[in-house]
Amino acid sequence: MISFESDYTTGTHPKILQRLMETNREVLPGYGNDVYCDAARRKIREACGCPEADVFFLVGGTQTNSVVISSMLREYEGVIAAKTGHVSLHEAGAVEITGHKVLEIDQVDGKLEASSVKRFIEQFYQDENHEHMVFPGMVYLSYPTEYGTLYTKKELTEIAEVCRQYEIPLFLDGARLGYGLMSQGADLSLKDIARLCDVFYIGGTKVGALCGEAVVFAKNYSPKHFVNHMKRHGALMAKGRVLGIQFDTLFTDGLYFEISSHAIEMAEKMKDIFKKKGYRFYLESPTNQQFFIVENEKLEKLKEKVRFGFWEKYDEAHTVVRFATSWSTTEEDLKWLEEIL
C-alpha cells in the first residue's frame, strides 16, 4: 500500500529526528523558555524581515486558529472566512466553541476576493440593525487554500488594504505555507506576508515537523497575555523544547524551504503522470495538493493499492479526490503510482 493521503502521515524529517535525539538528555526550562525556542524565534524573525515580531510555538493547526482568532476578537465579533476555509469546514467548530462566529462568504477557487470582503463589511454597517448582529472583526485566509490555490501579491495587498480601511486584523493560516512560497509562479515571499498580514503562522506539522506551528505577530500586535490564552486552550506544550528544536532545525540552512521545494517537485511529476494516464483535474493547483476527478468504479479499485483523500462528490458517477506529496515522497513512490494507474 502506497500513501498520498496527506502531507503529515509520515513522522518527521531525519534532520529533525536527529536533533531531537542529540538534545534528548539536556535539562531545559519548559513552556518555550529554552535556548532552542529562543534560537528558532531569532531565525524566524530574520527570515520574515521582522526583528520586532512576537513569535509563539503552538502544538497544532486547529489550536492555533482557535487561539489566535479568539484572543484577538472582542466578544461581539466574528471572523470573515471563505465558505471552503479550514475554520469553516474542518475544525469541528473550534472557533465557534470560543463564542465567536465564522462569517462565511463566497470564494473563487478557495480564495477570498477583496471586493467580496469589502462588500460584506459595507453591507453589515449599512444594515440599520447591525448592533444586533455579529460584527466582522477579522479576516481569515489560508495560503495555500484548501484547494491548493495561491493568492498573488496583488490579491493579498488588496485584501490587506480593506482590513486597514476598517481597522480589523488580517490573519493568514500558513499550515502549508512552505508549499505556497516554493510553488512555481508564486510571487509572494515570507517577507511580503509579514508586511501585509497582522498575524500569520508558519506550519510545521504539514511541512516536515512531528508537530507544531509558529505564530508570528509581525507588527507587535500580539494580544496581552497570549501565553495564558494558549494555556487555556490546551495549545501550550510543557516540553516546549520539542517545538523549539524542530523550528530551529527547520530554519537552519534553509531546510524548511528545501522540504517544501522537494514536495513541489514531486507534485509536478505526479501531475504529469495523471495527465499521461488521462485523468481529469478538478482544478490546476501549483502546490503539493492535487485534485482529480475519478470514476467511482475506478475509485474502489484504486483504494486497494493506494491511499488518498476524499474531497467531495463531483456527480453521481464521479468523486473529487486529493493526492498530496511531502518531504518523504520519493521517485520510487511515483513509479509505483504510475504502475497502479
Protein backbone atom coordinates (compact mmCIF):
# COMPACT_ATOMS: atom_id res chain seq x y z
CA MET A 1 0.00 0.00 0.00
CA ILE A 2 1.34 3.40 -1.02
CA SER A 3 0.05 6.61 0.53
CA PHE A 4 -0.57 10.08 -0.86
CA GLU A 5 -3.32 10.69 1.69
CA SER A 6 -1.82 13.82 3.22
CA ASP A 7 1.46 15.61 3.95
CA TYR A 8 1.55 14.72 7.67
CA THR A 9 1.08 10.94 7.59
CA THR A 10 4.80 10.14 7.94
CA GLY A 11 6.83 11.04 11.01
CA THR A 12 9.40 13.81 10.74
CA HIS A 13 12.33 14.79 8.57
CA PRO A 14 15.51 12.85 9.53
CA LYS A 15 17.42 16.05 10.40
CA ILE A 16 14.75 16.99 12.94
CA LEU A 17 14.69 13.49 14.39
CA GLN A 18 18.50 13.57 14.70
CA ARG A 19 18.40 16.90 16.57
CA LEU A 20 15.70 15.64 18.92
CA MET A 21 17.86 12.62 19.71
CA GLU A 22 21.03 14.70 20.17
CA THR A 23 19.34 17.05 22.64
CA ASN A 24 17.24 14.44 24.42
CA ARG A 25 19.24 14.31 27.66
CA GLU A 26 19.58 18.08 28.03
CA VAL A 27 17.77 19.58 31.00
CA LEU A 28 15.85 22.64 29.79
CA PRO A 29 13.14 25.02 31.07
CA GLY A 30 9.59 24.36 29.96
CA TYR A 31 6.84 26.21 28.09
CA GLY A 32 9.02 27.66 25.35
CA ASN A 33 11.57 29.33 27.62
CA ASP A 34 14.53 27.27 26.43
CA VAL A 35 17.53 28.15 24.26
CA TYR A 36 16.17 26.32 21.22
CA CYS A 37 12.89 28.22 21.20
CA ASP A 38 14.88 31.45 21.54
CA ALA A 39 17.12 30.46 18.62
CA ALA A 40 14.12 29.50 16.49
CA ARG A 41 12.46 32.84 17.23
CA ARG A 42 15.57 34.72 16.12
CA LYS A 43 15.82 32.76 12.89
CA ILE A 44 12.12 33.19 12.10
CA ARG A 45 12.30 36.94 12.74
CA GLU A 46 15.27 37.17 10.40
CA ALA A 47 13.55 35.11 7.68
CA CYS A 48 10.45 37.32 7.96
CA GLY A 49 12.44 40.55 7.99
CA CYS A 50 10.69 41.50 11.25
CA PRO A 51 13.17 41.92 14.10
CA GLU A 52 10.35 43.19 16.32
CA ALA A 53 7.94 40.29 15.69
CA ASP A 54 6.47 38.24 18.54
CA VAL A 55 6.80 34.50 17.86
CA PHE A 56 4.98 31.75 19.74
CA PHE A 57 5.03 27.97 19.27
CA LEU A 58 1.74 26.05 19.45
CA VAL A 59 1.05 22.36 19.15
CA GLY A 60 -1.22 22.14 16.08
CA GLY A 61 -3.18 23.96 13.41
CA THR A 62 -6.67 23.76 14.90
CA GLN A 63 -5.46 25.02 18.27
CA THR A 64 -3.53 27.78 16.54
CA ASN A 65 -6.52 29.04 14.57
CA SER A 66 -8.77 28.86 17.59
CA VAL A 67 -6.35 30.63 19.97
CA VAL A 68 -5.33 33.38 17.54
CA ILE A 69 -8.88 34.18 16.48
CA SER A 70 -10.48 34.05 19.92
CA SER A 71 -7.70 36.07 21.59
CA MET A 72 -7.81 38.88 19.01
CA LEU A 73 -11.58 39.27 18.66
CA ARG A 74 -13.82 41.20 21.01
CA GLU A 75 -16.70 39.23 22.46
CA TYR A 76 -19.21 40.65 19.94
CA GLU A 77 -17.06 39.97 16.87
CA GLY A 78 -16.73 37.13 14.37
CA VAL A 79 -14.18 36.22 11.72
CA ILE A 80 -14.73 36.51 7.96
CA ALA A 81 -13.66 33.36 6.09
CA ALA A 82 -14.28 31.62 2.80
CA LYS A 83 -17.06 29.03 2.83
CA THR A 84 -14.37 26.48 1.95
CA GLY A 85 -11.95 27.76 4.60
CA HIS A 86 -10.43 25.37 7.11
CA VAL A 87 -12.06 27.11 10.08
CA SER A 88 -15.39 26.93 8.23
CA LEU A 89 -15.37 23.22 7.40
CA HIS A 90 -12.72 21.06 9.01
CA GLU A 91 -12.16 22.23 12.57
CA ALA A 92 -15.24 20.82 14.28
CA GLY A 93 -16.49 24.22 15.42
CA ALA A 94 -13.27 25.01 17.31
CA VAL A 95 -13.73 28.74 16.67
CA GLU A 96 -17.46 28.77 17.43
CA ILE A 97 -16.96 26.98 20.74
CA THR A 98 -14.96 30.02 21.92
CA GLY A 99 -18.07 32.16 21.36
CA HIS A 100 -17.08 33.65 18.01
CA LYS A 101 -18.97 33.06 14.79
CA VAL A 102 -17.30 32.22 11.48
CA LEU A 103 -18.82 34.65 8.98
CA GLU A 104 -18.69 32.68 5.74
CA ILE A 105 -18.59 34.42 2.37
CA ASP A 106 -18.28 33.19 -1.21
CA GLN A 107 -14.91 32.27 -2.66
CA VAL A 108 -13.33 31.67 -6.06
CA ASP A 109 -11.20 28.51 -6.25
CA GLY A 110 -10.87 28.64 -2.47
CA LYS A 111 -9.77 32.29 -2.38
CA LEU A 112 -11.42 35.35 -0.88
CA GLU A 113 -11.70 38.39 -3.13
CA ALA A 114 -11.08 41.88 -1.72
CA SER A 115 -14.28 43.15 -3.37
CA SER A 116 -16.34 40.44 -1.63
CA VAL A 117 -14.79 41.19 1.75
CA LYS A 118 -15.38 44.93 1.31
CA ARG A 119 -18.99 44.39 0.17
CA PHE A 120 -19.72 42.13 3.15
CA ILE A 121 -18.40 44.71 5.64
CA GLU A 122 -20.15 47.61 3.91
CA GLN A 123 -23.48 45.78 3.88
CA PHE A 124 -23.06 44.95 7.56
CA TYR A 125 -22.68 48.62 8.54
CA GLN A 126 -25.45 49.71 6.17
CA ASP A 127 -27.87 47.40 7.96
CA GLU A 128 -29.81 49.53 10.46
CA ASN A 129 -29.96 46.54 12.80
CA HIS A 130 -26.21 45.81 12.78
CA GLU A 131 -25.95 46.48 16.53
CA HIS A 132 -27.96 43.27 16.93
CA MET A 133 -25.59 41.28 14.73
CA VAL A 134 -22.13 39.69 14.95
CA PHE A 135 -19.57 42.32 13.96
CA PRO A 136 -16.88 41.46 11.37
CA GLY A 137 -13.72 41.68 13.47
CA MET A 138 -11.06 39.85 11.46
CA VAL A 139 -10.36 38.38 8.03
CA TYR A 140 -9.04 34.81 7.89
CA LEU A 141 -7.50 33.24 4.81
CA SER A 142 -5.06 30.43 4.12
CA TYR A 143 -2.01 30.24 1.90
CA PRO A 144 -2.23 27.85 0.14
CA THR A 145 -6.01 27.50 0.28
CA GLU A 146 -7.91 24.28 0.90
CA TYR A 147 -7.79 23.72 -2.86
CA GLY A 148 -4.07 24.28 -3.15
CA THR A 149 -4.54 27.64 -4.85
CA LEU A 150 -2.46 30.73 -4.14
CA TYR A 151 -3.05 34.41 -3.56
CA THR A 152 -0.95 36.73 -5.67
CA LYS A 153 0.86 39.65 -4.09
CA LYS A 154 -1.72 41.96 -5.69
CA GLU A 155 -4.66 39.98 -4.29
CA LEU A 156 -3.23 39.82 -0.78
CA THR A 157 -2.37 43.51 -0.89
CA GLU A 158 -5.94 44.40 -1.87
CA ILE A 159 -7.39 42.34 0.99
CA ALA A 160 -4.90 43.91 3.42
CA GLU A 161 -6.00 47.38 2.28
CA VAL A 162 -9.64 46.54 3.03
CA CYS A 163 -8.61 45.35 6.50
CA ARG A 164 -6.68 48.59 7.11
CA GLN A 165 -9.65 50.64 5.95
CA TYR A 166 -11.94 49.01 8.50
CA GLU A 167 -9.23 48.60 11.15
CA ILE A 168 -9.53 44.86 11.54
CA PRO A 169 -6.62 42.38 11.57
CA LEU A 170 -5.70 40.11 8.66
CA PHE A 171 -4.83 36.56 9.75
CA LEU A 172 -3.14 34.14 7.37
CA ASP A 173 -3.28 30.40 8.09
CA GLY A 174 0.06 29.03 6.94
CA ALA A 175 -0.37 25.36 7.77
CA ARG A 176 1.18 24.60 4.36
CA LEU A 177 2.97 27.93 3.98
CA GLY A 178 6.21 26.47 2.63
CA TYR A 179 4.45 24.77 -0.27
CA GLY A 180 2.88 28.06 -1.26
CA LEU A 181 6.10 30.04 -1.05
CA MET A 182 8.07 27.50 -3.09
CA SER A 183 5.41 26.87 -5.76
CA GLN A 184 6.25 27.62 -9.34
CA GLY A 185 4.97 31.06 -10.25
CA ALA A 186 4.31 32.19 -6.66
CA ASP A 187 5.11 35.87 -6.31
CA LEU A 188 4.75 36.21 -2.53
CA SER A 189 7.72 35.93 -0.20
CA LEU A 190 7.76 35.33 3.54
CA LYS A 191 8.71 38.98 3.99
CA ASP A 192 5.74 40.07 1.87
CA ILE A 193 3.39 38.05 4.07
CA ALA A 194 4.93 39.53 7.23
CA ARG A 195 4.50 43.02 5.78
CA LEU A 196 0.88 42.57 4.65
CA CYS A 197 -0.58 40.44 7.45
CA ASP A 198 -1.07 41.35 11.10
CA VAL A 199 -0.64 37.75 12.19
CA PHE A 200 0.19 34.52 10.40
CA TYR A 201 1.65 31.16 11.22
CA ILE A 202 4.36 29.01 9.75
CA GLY A 203 3.12 25.45 9.61
CA GLY A 204 5.41 22.71 10.87
CA THR A 205 3.09 19.71 11.19
CA LYS A 206 2.45 19.53 7.44
CA VAL A 207 5.91 20.68 6.38
CA GLY A 208 8.30 18.13 7.84
CA ALA A 209 7.91 18.52 11.62
CA LEU A 210 6.49 15.97 14.02
CA CYS A 211 4.09 18.64 15.22
CA GLY A 212 3.86 22.33 15.86
CA GLU A 213 3.13 25.73 14.33
CA ALA A 214 4.97 29.03 14.75
CA VAL A 215 2.66 32.03 15.18
CA VAL A 216 4.14 35.35 14.09
CA PHE A 217 2.64 38.66 15.18
CA ALA A 218 4.52 40.74 12.66
CA LYS A 219 3.55 44.19 13.88
CA ASN A 220 3.81 43.78 17.65
CA TYR A 221 0.11 43.05 17.51
CA SER A 222 0.06 40.12 19.93
CA PRO A 223 -2.81 40.17 22.44
CA LYS A 224 -1.98 40.69 26.08
CA HIS A 225 -1.02 37.53 27.93
CA PHE A 226 -1.08 35.40 24.78
CA VAL A 227 0.68 32.54 26.58
CA ASN A 228 -2.24 32.49 29.01
CA HIS A 229 -4.63 32.12 26.07
CA MET A 230 -2.52 29.25 24.74
CA LYS A 231 -2.59 27.51 28.12
CA ARG A 232 -6.36 27.80 28.50
CA HIS A 233 -6.91 26.30 25.05
CA GLY A 234 -4.58 23.35 25.54
CA ALA A 235 -2.12 24.69 22.96
CA LEU A 236 0.88 25.30 25.24
CA MET A 237 3.37 22.47 25.41
CA ALA A 238 5.11 21.88 28.75
CA LYS A 239 8.07 20.42 26.86
CA GLY A 240 8.28 23.46 24.63
CA ARG A 241 11.76 22.33 23.60
CA VAL A 242 10.12 19.78 21.29
CA LEU A 243 8.72 22.62 19.19
CA GLY A 244 11.75 24.90 19.55
CA ILE A 245 14.22 22.26 18.41
CA GLN A 246 12.08 21.43 15.39
CA PHE A 247 11.69 25.02 14.22
CA ASP A 248 15.32 25.81 14.98
CA THR A 249 16.23 22.91 12.67
CA LEU A 250 13.68 23.85 10.01
CA PHE A 251 15.11 27.38 9.83
CA THR A 252 18.74 26.30 9.78
CA ASP A 253 20.37 26.18 6.32
CA GLY A 254 17.01 26.63 4.60
CA LEU A 255 15.62 23.20 5.49
CA TYR A 256 12.02 24.45 5.60
CA PHE A 257 12.25 25.69 2.03
CA GLU A 258 14.21 22.63 0.89
CA ILE A 259 11.47 20.34 2.18
CA SER A 260 8.81 22.45 0.50
CA SER A 261 10.65 22.55 -2.82
CA HIS A 262 11.03 18.78 -2.83
CA ALA A 263 7.30 18.26 -2.28
CA ILE A 264 6.51 20.69 -5.13
CA GLU A 265 8.91 18.88 -7.44
CA MET A 266 7.27 15.55 -6.63
CA ALA A 267 3.79 17.05 -7.13
CA GLU A 268 4.72 18.37 -10.58
CA LYS A 269 5.96 14.93 -11.60
CA MET A 270 2.80 13.38 -10.20
CA LYS A 271 0.68 15.78 -12.27
CA ASP A 272 2.49 14.63 -15.40
CA ILE A 273 1.71 11.01 -14.56
CA PHE A 274 -2.01 11.72 -14.10
CA LYS A 275 -2.12 13.74 -17.32
CA LYS A 276 -0.40 10.96 -19.23
CA LYS A 277 -2.93 8.46 -17.88
CA GLY A 278 -5.85 10.64 -19.00
CA TYR A 279 -7.21 11.72 -15.62
CA ARG A 280 -9.18 14.95 -15.30
CA PHE A 281 -8.03 17.68 -12.93
CA TYR A 282 -10.65 19.29 -10.70
CA LEU A 283 -8.59 22.49 -10.80
CA GLU A 284 -4.98 23.37 -11.52
CA SER A 285 -3.08 23.54 -8.24
CA PRO A 286 0.54 24.73 -8.22
CA THR A 287 1.19 23.26 -4.76
CA ASN A 288 1.74 19.85 -3.19
CA GLN A 289 -2.02 19.13 -3.13
CA GLN A 290 -3.52 17.83 -6.38
CA PHE A 291 -7.21 17.24 -7.04
CA PHE A 292 -8.52 14.75 -9.60
CA ILE A 293 -11.94 13.67 -10.81
CA VAL A 294 -12.20 9.88 -10.73
CA GLU A 295 -14.96 7.49 -11.79
CA ASN A 296 -16.45 5.82 -8.72
CA GLU A 297 -15.89 2.32 -10.10
CA LYS A 298 -12.23 3.06 -10.71
CA LEU A 299 -12.01 4.69 -7.29
CA GLU A 300 -12.85 1.46 -5.48
CA LYS A 301 -10.12 -0.42 -7.35
CA LEU A 302 -7.64 2.37 -6.68
CA LYS A 303 -8.34 2.20 -2.94
CA GLU A 304 -6.99 -1.34 -2.86
CA LYS A 305 -3.46 -0.19 -3.68
CA VAL A 306 -3.09 3.49 -2.84
CA ARG A 307 -4.28 5.80 -0.07
CA PHE A 308 -5.60 9.24 -0.98
CA GLY A 309 -8.04 11.78 0.43
CA PHE A 310 -11.76 12.02 -0.36
CA TRP A 311 -12.57 15.63 -1.15
CA GLU A 312 -16.09 15.97 -2.43
CA LYS A 313 -18.70 14.35 -4.61
CA TYR A 314 -18.47 15.60 -8.20
CA ASP A 315 -21.62 13.97 -9.60
CA GLU A 316 -23.43 10.64 -9.31
CA ALA A 317 -20.67 8.77 -11.12
CA HIS A 318 -17.53 10.71 -10.13
CA THR A 319 -15.67 11.84 -7.00
CA VAL A 320 -13.05 14.53 -6.40
CA VAL A 321 -10.01 13.10 -4.61
CA ARG A 322 -6.83 14.68 -3.28
CA PHE A 323 -3.29 13.37 -3.63
CA ALA A 324 -0.60 15.12 -1.56
CA THR A 325 3.19 14.96 -1.61
CA SER A 326 5.58 15.72 1.25
CA TRP A 327 9.21 15.56 2.39
CA SER A 328 9.01 11.77 2.35
CA THR A 329 7.67 11.33 -1.20
CA THR A 330 10.21 9.54 -3.40
CA GLU A 331 10.74 8.85 -7.09
CA GLU A 332 10.03 5.19 -6.30
CA ASP A 333 6.63 6.18 -4.87
CA LEU A 334 5.78 7.93 -8.13
CA LYS A 335 6.92 4.98 -10.25
CA TRP A 336 4.72 2.68 -8.20
CA LEU A 337 1.80 5.10 -8.54
CA GLU A 338 2.25 5.18 -12.32
CA GLU A 339 2.16 1.38 -12.47
CA ILE A 340 -1.02 1.30 -10.35
CA LEU A 341 -2.75 3.89 -12.54
